[in-house]
């Protein structure tokens, strides 16, 4: 049986976008079953002491811009630091991920396209037609999933992901949870790969 890893993210997160391809490579190389769990970051922040970007101290906002440039170069990506349609409300795109999973589809091709749409192509992920087109391009029933995204049932799954993230001590995006051990941030993917390679037991805060 494949080992499972929980991948908590928001389709609006630049850091999830930056690390996505590498994470997927690591997951594939280690035969991991990825549980895709989009979350509403604002709600996670509210429960775990985080602040939305606009409320952070200017020093933190400035450092973020420097880090985006560093990691853009490090990962060999080409993206806009301030895309035209960011931030957009994540509910629609994240809901399509959940609706795809509910329907038995692999959401990863859509997730990959959604990240690129924001950061490279500057598209609006709050637009239903745009979302449906991206899902169609991913081989999914775009219009159907876009409609399903707004349902109460998908909303309940979204809330469940939030509750599970908080219970797992996740406080940002992306977070990769392996056997209860949280790897927060795309800059921890190499540490995740090391943990998988070594086969060690999960580290905990109780030492």
N, C-alpha and C. Protein backbone atom coordinates (compact mmCIF):
# COMPACT_ATOMS: atom_id res chain seq x y z
N UNK A 1 0.84 -1.19 0.00
CA UNK A 1 0.00 0.00 0.00
C UNK A 1 0.88 1.25 0.00
N UNK A 2 0.53 2.21 -0.84
CA UNK A 2 1.32 3.43 -0.93
C UNK A 2 1.21 4.23 0.36
N UNK A 3 2.31 4.84 0.74
CA UNK A 3 2.34 5.71 1.90
C UNK A 3 1.62 7.01 1.55
N UNK A 4 0.89 7.57 2.50
CA UNK A 4 0.09 8.76 2.22
C UNK A 4 0.73 10.01 2.81
N UNK A 5 0.50 11.14 2.14
CA UNK A 5 0.93 12.44 2.64
C UNK A 5 -0.20 13.43 2.42
N UNK A 6 -0.46 14.26 3.41
CA UNK A 6 -1.49 15.29 3.30
C UNK A 6 -0.84 16.59 2.83
N UNK A 7 -1.40 17.17 1.77
CA UNK A 7 -0.86 18.38 1.15
C UNK A 7 -1.88 19.49 1.34
N UNK A 8 -1.59 20.37 2.32
CA UNK A 8 -2.47 21.50 2.59
C UNK A 8 -1.97 22.72 1.83
N UNK A 9 -2.88 23.40 1.14
CA UNK A 9 -2.47 24.50 0.28
C UNK A 9 -3.67 25.39 -0.03
N UNK A 10 -3.37 26.55 -0.59
CA UNK A 10 -4.38 27.39 -1.22
C UNK A 10 -3.93 27.65 -2.64
N UNK A 11 -4.86 27.64 -3.57
CA UNK A 11 -4.50 27.93 -4.97
C UNK A 11 -4.02 29.37 -5.12
N UNK A 12 -4.21 30.22 -4.10
CA UNK A 12 -3.73 31.59 -4.14
C UNK A 12 -2.30 31.74 -3.62
N UNK A 13 -1.74 30.69 -3.07
CA UNK A 13 -0.44 30.78 -2.40
C UNK A 13 0.72 30.76 -3.38
N UNK A 14 1.56 31.81 -3.39
CA UNK A 14 2.73 31.77 -4.28
C UNK A 14 3.71 30.69 -3.89
N UNK A 15 3.80 30.43 -2.60
CA UNK A 15 4.77 29.43 -2.14
C UNK A 15 4.34 28.02 -2.52
N UNK A 16 3.05 27.76 -2.48
CA UNK A 16 2.56 26.46 -2.95
C UNK A 16 2.85 26.29 -4.44
N UNK A 17 2.63 27.36 -5.20
CA UNK A 17 2.94 27.34 -6.63
C UNK A 17 4.42 27.07 -6.86
N UNK A 18 5.29 27.79 -6.15
CA UNK A 18 6.73 27.66 -6.36
C UNK A 18 7.20 26.24 -6.09
N UNK A 19 6.63 25.60 -5.07
CA UNK A 19 7.10 24.27 -4.70
C UNK A 19 6.36 23.11 -5.33
N UNK A 20 5.29 23.40 -6.06
CA UNK A 20 4.40 22.32 -6.48
C UNK A 20 5.08 21.27 -7.35
N UNK A 21 5.81 21.68 -8.37
CA UNK A 21 6.41 20.71 -9.28
C UNK A 21 7.43 19.83 -8.55
N UNK A 22 8.25 20.45 -7.70
CA UNK A 22 9.24 19.66 -6.95
C UNK A 22 8.55 18.71 -5.99
N UNK A 23 7.53 19.18 -5.30
CA UNK A 23 6.81 18.30 -4.39
C UNK A 23 6.23 17.10 -5.14
N UNK A 24 5.63 17.35 -6.28
CA UNK A 24 5.05 16.24 -7.05
C UNK A 24 6.13 15.26 -7.49
N UNK A 25 7.30 15.76 -7.83
CA UNK A 25 8.42 14.88 -8.20
C UNK A 25 8.83 14.01 -7.03
N UNK A 26 8.90 14.61 -5.84
CA UNK A 26 9.28 13.85 -4.64
C UNK A 26 8.21 12.82 -4.31
N UNK A 27 6.96 13.22 -4.42
CA UNK A 27 5.87 12.28 -4.14
C UNK A 27 5.90 11.10 -5.10
N UNK A 28 6.13 11.38 -6.37
CA UNK A 28 6.17 10.31 -7.37
C UNK A 28 7.36 9.39 -7.15
N UNK A 29 8.52 9.96 -6.86
CA UNK A 29 9.73 9.17 -6.66
C UNK A 29 9.60 8.24 -5.47
N UNK A 30 8.78 8.65 -4.49
CA UNK A 30 8.63 7.85 -3.28
C UNK A 30 7.30 7.11 -3.21
N UNK A 31 6.59 7.08 -4.32
CA UNK A 31 5.33 6.35 -4.42
C UNK A 31 4.34 6.77 -3.33
N UNK A 32 4.24 8.09 -3.14
CA UNK A 32 3.32 8.61 -2.12
C UNK A 32 1.93 8.80 -2.70
N UNK A 33 0.94 8.50 -1.91
CA UNK A 33 -0.43 8.85 -2.24
C UNK A 33 -0.69 10.25 -1.67
N UNK A 34 -0.94 11.21 -2.54
CA UNK A 34 -1.11 12.58 -2.10
C UNK A 34 -2.59 12.87 -1.83
N UNK A 35 -2.87 13.31 -0.62
CA UNK A 35 -4.22 13.77 -0.27
C UNK A 35 -4.24 15.29 -0.41
N UNK A 36 -4.88 15.77 -1.46
CA UNK A 36 -4.92 17.20 -1.76
C UNK A 36 -5.98 17.87 -0.89
N UNK A 37 -5.54 18.85 -0.08
CA UNK A 37 -6.44 19.46 0.90
C UNK A 37 -6.37 20.98 0.83
N UNK A 38 -7.09 21.60 -0.10
CA UNK A 38 -7.13 23.07 -0.12
C UNK A 38 -7.79 23.61 1.13
N UNK A 39 -7.26 24.74 1.61
CA UNK A 39 -7.79 25.36 2.83
C UNK A 39 -7.93 26.86 2.62
N UNK A 40 -8.83 27.47 3.37
CA UNK A 40 -8.98 28.91 3.40
C UNK A 40 -7.93 29.47 4.35
N UNK A 41 -6.90 30.09 3.82
CA UNK A 41 -5.77 30.51 4.64
C UNK A 41 -6.17 31.51 5.71
N UNK A 42 -7.06 32.44 5.37
CA UNK A 42 -7.47 33.43 6.35
C UNK A 42 -8.03 32.80 7.60
N UNK A 43 -8.79 31.73 7.44
CA UNK A 43 -9.37 31.06 8.59
C UNK A 43 -8.32 30.29 9.39
N UNK A 44 -7.35 29.72 8.68
CA UNK A 44 -6.26 29.03 9.37
C UNK A 44 -5.41 30.04 10.14
N UNK A 45 -5.10 31.17 9.50
CA UNK A 45 -4.34 32.21 10.19
C UNK A 45 -5.06 32.67 11.46
N UNK A 46 -6.36 32.85 11.35
CA UNK A 46 -7.13 33.36 12.49
C UNK A 46 -7.04 32.43 13.69
N UNK A 47 -6.91 31.14 13.44
CA UNK A 47 -6.86 30.17 14.53
C UNK A 47 -5.45 29.92 15.03
N UNK A 48 -4.44 30.24 14.21
CA UNK A 48 -3.06 29.86 14.56
C UNK A 48 -2.13 31.06 14.76
N UNK A 49 -2.70 32.28 14.75
CA UNK A 49 -1.89 33.44 15.05
C UNK A 49 -1.21 34.10 13.86
N UNK A 50 -1.56 33.68 12.66
CA UNK A 50 -0.97 34.29 11.47
C UNK A 50 -1.70 35.56 11.09
N UNK A 51 -1.07 36.36 10.23
CA UNK A 51 -1.67 37.59 9.75
C UNK A 51 -1.76 37.58 8.23
N UNK A 52 -2.85 38.09 7.66
CA UNK A 52 -2.89 38.26 6.21
C UNK A 52 -1.81 39.24 5.77
N UNK A 53 -1.39 39.13 4.53
CA UNK A 53 -0.25 39.88 4.04
C UNK A 53 -0.36 41.38 4.33
N UNK A 54 -1.51 41.97 4.06
CA UNK A 54 -1.67 43.42 4.19
C UNK A 54 -1.50 43.90 5.63
N UNK A 55 -1.66 43.01 6.61
CA UNK A 55 -1.56 43.40 8.01
C UNK A 55 -0.19 43.10 8.61
N UNK A 56 0.72 42.54 7.82
CA UNK A 56 2.05 42.25 8.34
C UNK A 56 2.90 43.52 8.35
N UNK A 57 3.88 43.54 9.23
CA UNK A 57 4.78 44.68 9.31
C UNK A 57 5.46 44.91 7.96
N UNK A 58 5.71 46.16 7.57
CA UNK A 58 6.36 46.44 6.28
C UNK A 58 7.67 45.67 6.08
N UNK A 59 8.42 45.46 7.15
CA UNK A 59 9.67 44.71 7.01
C UNK A 59 9.41 43.29 6.52
N UNK A 60 8.34 42.68 7.01
CA UNK A 60 7.99 41.32 6.57
C UNK A 60 7.48 41.34 5.13
N UNK A 61 6.72 42.34 4.77
CA UNK A 61 6.23 42.44 3.39
C UNK A 61 7.38 42.66 2.42
N UNK A 62 8.34 43.48 2.81
CA UNK A 62 9.50 43.73 1.94
C UNK A 62 10.34 42.47 1.79
N UNK A 63 10.53 41.75 2.90
CA UNK A 63 11.34 40.54 2.84
C UNK A 63 10.67 39.48 1.96
N UNK A 64 9.36 39.42 2.03
CA UNK A 64 8.62 38.48 1.18
C UNK A 64 8.95 38.71 -0.30
N UNK A 65 9.00 39.97 -0.72
CA UNK A 65 9.28 40.26 -2.12
C UNK A 65 10.70 39.83 -2.51
N UNK A 66 11.64 39.98 -1.59
CA UNK A 66 13.00 39.52 -1.85
C UNK A 66 13.04 38.00 -1.98
N UNK A 67 12.35 37.33 -1.07
CA UNK A 67 12.31 35.87 -1.10
C UNK A 67 11.65 35.33 -2.38
N UNK A 68 10.60 35.98 -2.82
CA UNK A 68 9.97 35.56 -4.07
C UNK A 68 10.96 35.61 -5.22
N UNK A 69 11.78 36.63 -5.27
CA UNK A 69 12.77 36.74 -6.33
C UNK A 69 13.85 35.67 -6.20
N UNK A 70 14.29 35.41 -4.99
CA UNK A 70 15.29 34.37 -4.76
C UNK A 70 14.79 33.00 -5.22
N UNK A 71 13.56 32.68 -4.79
CA UNK A 71 13.04 31.36 -5.10
C UNK A 71 12.58 31.24 -6.54
N UNK A 72 12.19 32.32 -7.16
CA UNK A 72 11.89 32.30 -8.60
C UNK A 72 13.14 31.87 -9.37
N UNK A 73 14.27 32.43 -8.98
CA UNK A 73 15.53 32.07 -9.64
C UNK A 73 15.95 30.65 -9.28
N UNK A 74 15.83 30.31 -7.99
CA UNK A 74 16.27 28.99 -7.52
C UNK A 74 15.50 27.87 -8.19
N UNK A 75 14.20 28.03 -8.34
CA UNK A 75 13.37 26.97 -8.93
C UNK A 75 13.27 27.07 -10.45
N UNK A 76 13.90 28.08 -11.04
CA UNK A 76 13.90 28.20 -12.50
C UNK A 76 12.53 28.55 -13.07
N UNK A 77 11.79 29.39 -12.35
CA UNK A 77 10.45 29.77 -12.77
C UNK A 77 10.44 31.19 -13.34
N UNK A 78 9.39 31.48 -14.08
CA UNK A 78 9.19 32.83 -14.61
C UNK A 78 7.77 33.25 -14.24
N UNK A 79 7.65 34.12 -13.27
CA UNK A 79 6.32 34.54 -12.84
C UNK A 79 6.34 36.00 -12.41
N UNK A 80 5.16 36.57 -12.33
CA UNK A 80 4.99 37.96 -11.93
C UNK A 80 4.98 38.06 -10.41
N UNK A 81 5.72 39.01 -9.88
CA UNK A 81 5.76 39.19 -8.44
C UNK A 81 4.46 39.78 -7.91
N UNK A 82 3.80 40.58 -8.72
CA UNK A 82 2.52 41.20 -8.36
C UNK A 82 1.53 41.00 -9.50
N UNK A 83 1.03 39.78 -9.67
CA UNK A 83 0.12 39.52 -10.80
C UNK A 83 -1.15 40.36 -10.72
N UNK A 84 -1.68 40.66 -11.88
CA UNK A 84 -2.80 41.60 -11.98
C UNK A 84 -4.04 41.16 -11.21
N UNK A 85 -4.30 39.87 -11.18
CA UNK A 85 -5.55 39.37 -10.59
C UNK A 85 -5.33 38.63 -9.27
N UNK A 86 -4.31 39.04 -8.56
CA UNK A 86 -4.04 38.45 -7.25
C UNK A 86 -4.08 39.55 -6.20
N UNK A 87 -4.70 39.28 -5.06
CA UNK A 87 -5.41 38.04 -4.73
C UNK A 87 -6.83 38.05 -5.25
N UNK A 88 -7.31 36.87 -5.59
CA UNK A 88 -8.73 36.65 -5.87
C UNK A 88 -9.27 35.74 -4.77
N UNK A 89 -10.56 35.76 -4.56
CA UNK A 89 -11.11 34.88 -3.52
C UNK A 89 -10.87 33.43 -3.93
N UNK A 90 -10.29 32.61 -3.07
CA UNK A 90 -9.89 31.26 -3.46
C UNK A 90 -11.01 30.23 -3.48
N UNK A 91 -12.20 30.60 -3.02
CA UNK A 91 -13.25 29.61 -2.82
C UNK A 91 -13.60 28.85 -4.09
N UNK A 92 -13.68 29.53 -5.22
CA UNK A 92 -14.09 28.88 -6.47
C UNK A 92 -13.06 27.85 -6.91
N UNK A 93 -11.80 28.27 -7.01
CA UNK A 93 -10.76 27.36 -7.48
C UNK A 93 -10.53 26.21 -6.50
N UNK A 94 -10.45 26.55 -5.21
CA UNK A 94 -10.27 25.49 -4.21
C UNK A 94 -11.46 24.53 -4.22
N UNK A 95 -12.65 25.09 -4.44
CA UNK A 95 -13.85 24.25 -4.50
C UNK A 95 -13.84 23.30 -5.67
N UNK A 96 -13.28 23.72 -6.80
CA UNK A 96 -13.17 22.83 -7.95
C UNK A 96 -12.24 21.66 -7.64
N UNK A 97 -11.17 21.93 -6.90
CA UNK A 97 -10.28 20.84 -6.48
C UNK A 97 -11.07 19.82 -5.66
N UNK A 98 -11.85 20.31 -4.71
CA UNK A 98 -12.64 19.41 -3.86
C UNK A 98 -13.72 18.68 -4.65
N UNK A 99 -14.35 19.38 -5.58
CA UNK A 99 -15.38 18.75 -6.41
C UNK A 99 -14.78 17.69 -7.31
N UNK A 100 -13.57 17.93 -7.80
CA UNK A 100 -12.90 16.92 -8.63
C UNK A 100 -12.61 15.66 -7.81
N UNK A 101 -12.10 15.85 -6.60
CA UNK A 101 -11.82 14.70 -5.73
C UNK A 101 -13.11 13.95 -5.42
N UNK A 102 -14.16 14.70 -5.11
CA UNK A 102 -15.46 14.10 -4.81
C UNK A 102 -15.94 13.24 -5.98
N UNK A 103 -15.66 13.70 -7.19
CA UNK A 103 -16.09 12.98 -8.39
C UNK A 103 -15.16 11.87 -8.83
N UNK A 104 -14.12 11.61 -8.05
CA UNK A 104 -13.20 10.52 -8.37
C UNK A 104 -12.12 10.89 -9.37
N UNK A 105 -11.89 12.19 -9.57
CA UNK A 105 -10.88 12.65 -10.53
C UNK A 105 -9.58 13.02 -9.81
N UNK A 106 -8.50 12.96 -10.55
CA UNK A 106 -7.21 13.44 -10.06
C UNK A 106 -7.18 14.96 -10.23
N UNK A 107 -7.08 15.74 -9.14
CA UNK A 107 -7.14 17.19 -9.28
C UNK A 107 -5.82 17.83 -9.64
N UNK A 108 -4.73 17.08 -9.63
CA UNK A 108 -3.41 17.68 -9.79
C UNK A 108 -3.23 18.45 -11.10
N UNK A 109 -3.68 17.93 -12.25
CA UNK A 109 -3.51 18.72 -13.48
C UNK A 109 -4.21 20.07 -13.41
N UNK A 110 -5.34 20.13 -12.73
CA UNK A 110 -6.03 21.41 -12.56
C UNK A 110 -5.26 22.32 -11.62
N UNK A 111 -4.78 21.77 -10.50
CA UNK A 111 -4.02 22.56 -9.53
C UNK A 111 -2.81 23.20 -10.21
N UNK A 112 -2.09 22.41 -10.98
CA UNK A 112 -0.91 22.92 -11.69
C UNK A 112 -1.28 24.07 -12.61
N UNK A 113 -2.37 23.91 -13.33
CA UNK A 113 -2.81 24.96 -14.25
C UNK A 113 -3.31 26.20 -13.50
N UNK A 114 -3.94 25.99 -12.37
CA UNK A 114 -4.44 27.12 -11.59
C UNK A 114 -3.29 27.97 -11.07
N UNK A 115 -2.25 27.34 -10.56
CA UNK A 115 -1.07 28.09 -10.11
C UNK A 115 -0.49 28.91 -11.26
N UNK A 116 -0.28 28.25 -12.38
CA UNK A 116 0.31 28.94 -13.55
C UNK A 116 -0.59 30.08 -14.02
N UNK A 117 -1.90 29.84 -13.97
CA UNK A 117 -2.85 30.86 -14.43
C UNK A 117 -2.69 32.15 -13.64
N UNK A 118 -2.52 32.04 -12.33
CA UNK A 118 -2.37 33.24 -11.50
C UNK A 118 -1.01 33.90 -11.71
N UNK A 119 0.03 33.13 -11.48
CA UNK A 119 1.36 33.71 -11.33
C UNK A 119 2.08 33.96 -12.65
N UNK A 120 1.77 33.17 -13.67
CA UNK A 120 2.43 33.36 -14.96
C UNK A 120 1.54 34.08 -15.97
N UNK A 121 0.28 33.66 -16.04
CA UNK A 121 -0.62 34.19 -17.07
C UNK A 121 -1.51 35.34 -16.58
N UNK A 122 -1.48 35.61 -15.28
CA UNK A 122 -2.24 36.72 -14.68
C UNK A 122 -3.75 36.63 -14.95
N UNK A 123 -4.28 35.41 -14.90
CA UNK A 123 -5.71 35.22 -15.10
C UNK A 123 -6.44 35.36 -13.77
N UNK A 124 -7.74 35.51 -13.85
CA UNK A 124 -8.57 35.73 -12.68
C UNK A 124 -9.24 34.43 -12.26
N UNK A 125 -8.78 33.86 -11.15
CA UNK A 125 -9.36 32.60 -10.68
C UNK A 125 -10.67 32.80 -9.94
N UNK A 126 -11.12 34.02 -9.86
CA UNK A 126 -12.45 34.27 -9.34
C UNK A 126 -13.52 34.27 -10.42
N UNK A 127 -13.10 34.05 -11.66
CA UNK A 127 -14.02 34.06 -12.80
C UNK A 127 -14.42 32.64 -13.16
N UNK A 128 -15.70 32.38 -13.20
CA UNK A 128 -16.20 31.03 -13.43
C UNK A 128 -15.77 30.49 -14.79
N UNK A 129 -15.86 31.32 -15.84
CA UNK A 129 -15.50 30.86 -17.18
C UNK A 129 -14.02 30.48 -17.25
N UNK A 130 -13.18 31.26 -16.60
CA UNK A 130 -11.75 30.97 -16.58
C UNK A 130 -11.48 29.65 -15.87
N UNK A 131 -12.12 29.47 -14.73
CA UNK A 131 -11.94 28.24 -13.96
C UNK A 131 -12.42 27.03 -14.75
N UNK A 132 -13.57 27.13 -15.38
CA UNK A 132 -14.11 26.02 -16.15
C UNK A 132 -13.18 25.66 -17.30
N UNK A 133 -12.61 26.66 -17.95
CA UNK A 133 -11.69 26.42 -19.06
C UNK A 133 -10.43 25.71 -18.58
N UNK A 134 -9.89 26.15 -17.45
CA UNK A 134 -8.70 25.50 -16.90
C UNK A 134 -8.99 24.04 -16.55
N UNK A 135 -10.16 23.80 -15.98
CA UNK A 135 -10.53 22.42 -15.64
C UNK A 135 -10.71 21.58 -16.90
N UNK A 136 -11.32 22.15 -17.92
CA UNK A 136 -11.46 21.43 -19.20
C UNK A 136 -10.09 21.05 -19.75
N UNK A 137 -9.15 22.00 -19.69
CA UNK A 137 -7.81 21.75 -20.21
C UNK A 137 -7.09 20.67 -19.40
N UNK A 138 -7.51 20.49 -18.17
CA UNK A 138 -6.94 19.44 -17.31
C UNK A 138 -7.63 18.10 -17.50
N UNK A 139 -8.56 18.04 -18.46
CA UNK A 139 -9.28 16.80 -18.73
C UNK A 139 -10.44 16.55 -17.79
N UNK A 140 -10.91 17.61 -17.13
CA UNK A 140 -12.02 17.49 -16.18
C UNK A 140 -13.27 18.14 -16.75
N UNK A 141 -14.43 17.78 -16.23
CA UNK A 141 -15.68 18.41 -16.67
C UNK A 141 -15.82 19.79 -16.04
N UNK A 142 -15.24 20.80 -16.71
CA UNK A 142 -15.07 22.11 -16.11
C UNK A 142 -16.34 22.77 -15.63
N UNK A 143 -17.34 22.88 -16.51
CA UNK A 143 -18.57 23.57 -16.14
C UNK A 143 -19.26 22.87 -14.97
N UNK A 144 -19.27 21.55 -15.00
CA UNK A 144 -19.92 20.78 -13.94
C UNK A 144 -19.21 21.00 -12.60
N UNK A 145 -17.88 20.98 -12.62
CA UNK A 145 -17.14 21.14 -11.37
C UNK A 145 -17.23 22.58 -10.85
N UNK A 146 -17.23 23.54 -11.76
CA UNK A 146 -17.36 24.94 -11.35
C UNK A 146 -18.70 25.18 -10.67
N UNK A 147 -19.74 24.56 -11.18
CA UNK A 147 -21.06 24.69 -10.58
C UNK A 147 -21.10 23.98 -9.22
N UNK A 148 -20.53 22.81 -9.17
CA UNK A 148 -20.52 22.04 -7.94
C UNK A 148 -19.69 22.71 -6.85
N UNK A 149 -18.70 23.49 -7.26
CA UNK A 149 -17.80 24.14 -6.33
C UNK A 149 -18.52 24.96 -5.26
N UNK A 150 -19.61 25.60 -5.64
CA UNK A 150 -20.31 26.47 -4.71
C UNK A 150 -21.34 25.79 -3.84
N UNK A 151 -21.45 24.48 -3.92
CA UNK A 151 -22.49 23.77 -3.18
C UNK A 151 -22.18 23.70 -1.69
N UNK A 152 -23.22 23.46 -0.91
CA UNK A 152 -23.05 23.32 0.53
C UNK A 152 -22.17 22.13 0.87
N UNK A 153 -22.30 21.07 0.09
CA UNK A 153 -21.51 19.86 0.36
C UNK A 153 -20.02 20.13 0.19
N UNK A 154 -19.66 20.88 -0.85
CA UNK A 154 -18.25 21.21 -1.06
C UNK A 154 -17.79 22.19 0.02
N UNK A 155 -18.67 23.11 0.40
CA UNK A 155 -18.35 24.01 1.50
C UNK A 155 -18.05 23.26 2.79
N UNK A 156 -18.79 22.20 3.04
CA UNK A 156 -18.57 21.39 4.24
C UNK A 156 -17.21 20.69 4.18
N UNK A 157 -16.83 20.22 2.99
CA UNK A 157 -15.51 19.59 2.83
C UNK A 157 -14.39 20.60 3.04
N UNK A 158 -14.61 21.82 2.55
CA UNK A 158 -13.64 22.90 2.74
C UNK A 158 -13.45 23.18 4.24
N UNK A 159 -14.55 23.25 4.96
CA UNK A 159 -14.49 23.47 6.40
C UNK A 159 -13.78 22.31 7.09
N UNK A 160 -14.04 21.11 6.63
CA UNK A 160 -13.40 19.92 7.21
C UNK A 160 -11.88 19.97 7.03
N UNK A 161 -11.44 20.40 5.84
CA UNK A 161 -10.01 20.54 5.61
C UNK A 161 -9.39 21.56 6.56
N UNK A 162 -10.10 22.67 6.76
CA UNK A 162 -9.61 23.69 7.70
C UNK A 162 -9.45 23.12 9.10
N UNK A 163 -10.47 22.40 9.55
CA UNK A 163 -10.43 21.83 10.90
C UNK A 163 -9.31 20.81 11.02
N UNK A 164 -9.13 20.00 9.99
CA UNK A 164 -8.07 18.99 10.02
C UNK A 164 -6.69 19.65 9.98
N UNK A 165 -6.57 20.73 9.21
CA UNK A 165 -5.30 21.45 9.15
C UNK A 165 -4.93 21.99 10.52
N UNK A 166 -5.87 22.62 11.20
CA UNK A 166 -5.62 23.19 12.51
C UNK A 166 -5.29 22.08 13.52
N UNK A 167 -6.01 20.97 13.43
CA UNK A 167 -5.74 19.84 14.33
C UNK A 167 -4.35 19.26 14.09
N UNK A 168 -3.89 19.32 12.85
CA UNK A 168 -2.57 18.79 12.50
C UNK A 168 -1.45 19.78 12.78
N UNK A 169 -1.82 20.97 13.29
CA UNK A 169 -0.89 22.06 13.59
C UNK A 169 -0.27 22.66 12.32
N UNK A 170 -1.08 22.71 11.29
CA UNK A 170 -0.72 23.42 10.06
C UNK A 170 -1.10 24.88 10.25
N UNK A 171 -0.22 25.80 9.82
CA UNK A 171 -0.51 27.23 9.99
C UNK A 171 -0.21 28.06 8.76
N UNK A 172 0.09 27.42 7.63
CA UNK A 172 0.35 28.16 6.41
C UNK A 172 0.36 27.25 5.21
N UNK A 173 0.58 27.85 4.03
CA UNK A 173 0.56 27.12 2.77
C UNK A 173 1.86 27.35 2.00
N UNK A 174 2.45 26.25 1.51
CA UNK A 174 1.99 24.87 1.60
C UNK A 174 2.49 24.21 2.88
N UNK A 175 1.79 23.17 3.27
CA UNK A 175 2.24 22.33 4.37
C UNK A 175 2.05 20.88 3.94
N UNK A 176 3.08 20.09 4.17
CA UNK A 176 3.07 18.67 3.81
C UNK A 176 3.16 17.88 5.11
N UNK A 177 2.17 17.05 5.38
CA UNK A 177 2.11 16.34 6.66
C UNK A 177 2.31 14.85 6.40
N UNK A 178 3.43 14.35 6.88
CA UNK A 178 3.81 12.95 6.70
C UNK A 178 3.85 12.26 8.05
N UNK A 179 2.97 11.30 8.26
CA UNK A 179 2.92 10.56 9.53
C UNK A 179 2.84 11.52 10.72
N UNK A 180 2.11 12.62 10.57
CA UNK A 180 1.92 13.57 11.65
C UNK A 180 3.00 14.63 11.74
N UNK A 181 4.06 14.51 10.98
CA UNK A 181 5.14 15.51 10.99
C UNK A 181 4.86 16.56 9.92
N UNK A 182 4.85 17.83 10.34
CA UNK A 182 4.54 18.92 9.43
C UNK A 182 5.82 19.49 8.81
N UNK A 183 5.82 19.57 7.50
CA UNK A 183 6.87 20.26 6.77
C UNK A 183 6.22 21.51 6.17
N UNK A 184 6.52 22.66 6.76
CA UNK A 184 5.85 23.90 6.33
C UNK A 184 6.73 24.66 5.36
N UNK A 185 6.16 24.98 4.22
CA UNK A 185 6.85 25.82 3.25
C UNK A 185 7.54 25.02 2.16
N UNK A 186 7.54 25.59 0.96
CA UNK A 186 8.17 24.90 -0.16
C UNK A 186 9.68 24.76 0.03
N UNK A 187 10.26 25.55 0.91
CA UNK A 187 11.69 25.44 1.19
C UNK A 187 12.00 24.29 2.14
N UNK A 188 10.98 23.52 2.53
CA UNK A 188 11.20 22.32 3.36
C UNK A 188 11.05 21.04 2.54
N UNK A 189 10.85 21.16 1.24
CA UNK A 189 10.64 19.95 0.44
C UNK A 189 11.87 19.07 0.44
N UNK A 190 13.04 19.67 0.41
CA UNK A 190 14.27 18.87 0.45
C UNK A 190 14.37 18.11 1.77
N UNK A 191 13.91 18.72 2.86
CA UNK A 191 13.91 18.02 4.15
C UNK A 191 12.89 16.88 4.15
N UNK A 192 11.78 17.08 3.48
CA UNK A 192 10.80 16.01 3.31
C UNK A 192 11.42 14.85 2.54
N UNK A 193 12.12 15.17 1.46
CA UNK A 193 12.78 14.13 0.66
C UNK A 193 13.80 13.37 1.49
N UNK A 194 14.55 14.10 2.32
CA UNK A 194 15.54 13.44 3.19
C UNK A 194 14.86 12.48 4.17
N UNK A 195 13.74 12.92 4.73
CA UNK A 195 13.02 12.07 5.69
C UNK A 195 12.52 10.79 5.01
N UNK A 196 12.04 10.93 3.80
CA UNK A 196 11.57 9.77 3.06
C UNK A 196 12.72 8.82 2.72
N UNK A 197 13.83 9.39 2.33
CA UNK A 197 14.99 8.58 1.95
C UNK A 197 15.54 7.81 3.14
N UNK A 198 15.59 8.46 4.29
CA UNK A 198 16.17 7.83 5.47
C UNK A 198 15.26 6.79 6.08
N UNK A 199 13.94 6.96 5.89
CA UNK A 199 12.99 6.05 6.50
C UNK A 199 12.83 6.24 7.99
N UNK A 200 13.31 7.38 8.51
CA UNK A 200 13.22 7.62 9.94
C UNK A 200 11.77 7.78 10.41
N UNK A 201 11.59 7.65 11.71
CA UNK A 201 10.28 7.91 12.30
C UNK A 201 10.01 9.41 12.31
N UNK A 202 8.76 9.78 12.38
CA UNK A 202 8.38 11.18 12.38
C UNK A 202 8.91 11.88 13.63
N UNK A 203 9.43 13.08 13.43
CA UNK A 203 9.83 13.91 14.57
C UNK A 203 8.59 14.55 15.19
N UNK A 204 8.66 14.76 16.49
CA UNK A 204 7.57 15.44 17.20
C UNK A 204 8.16 16.53 18.08
N UNK A 205 7.30 17.37 18.63
CA UNK A 205 7.76 18.44 19.53
C UNK A 205 8.05 17.89 20.93
N UNK A 206 7.69 16.66 21.18
CA UNK A 206 7.91 16.07 22.50
C UNK A 206 9.25 15.35 22.52
N UNK A 207 10.26 16.06 23.01
CA UNK A 207 11.62 15.50 23.02
C UNK A 207 12.14 15.40 24.44
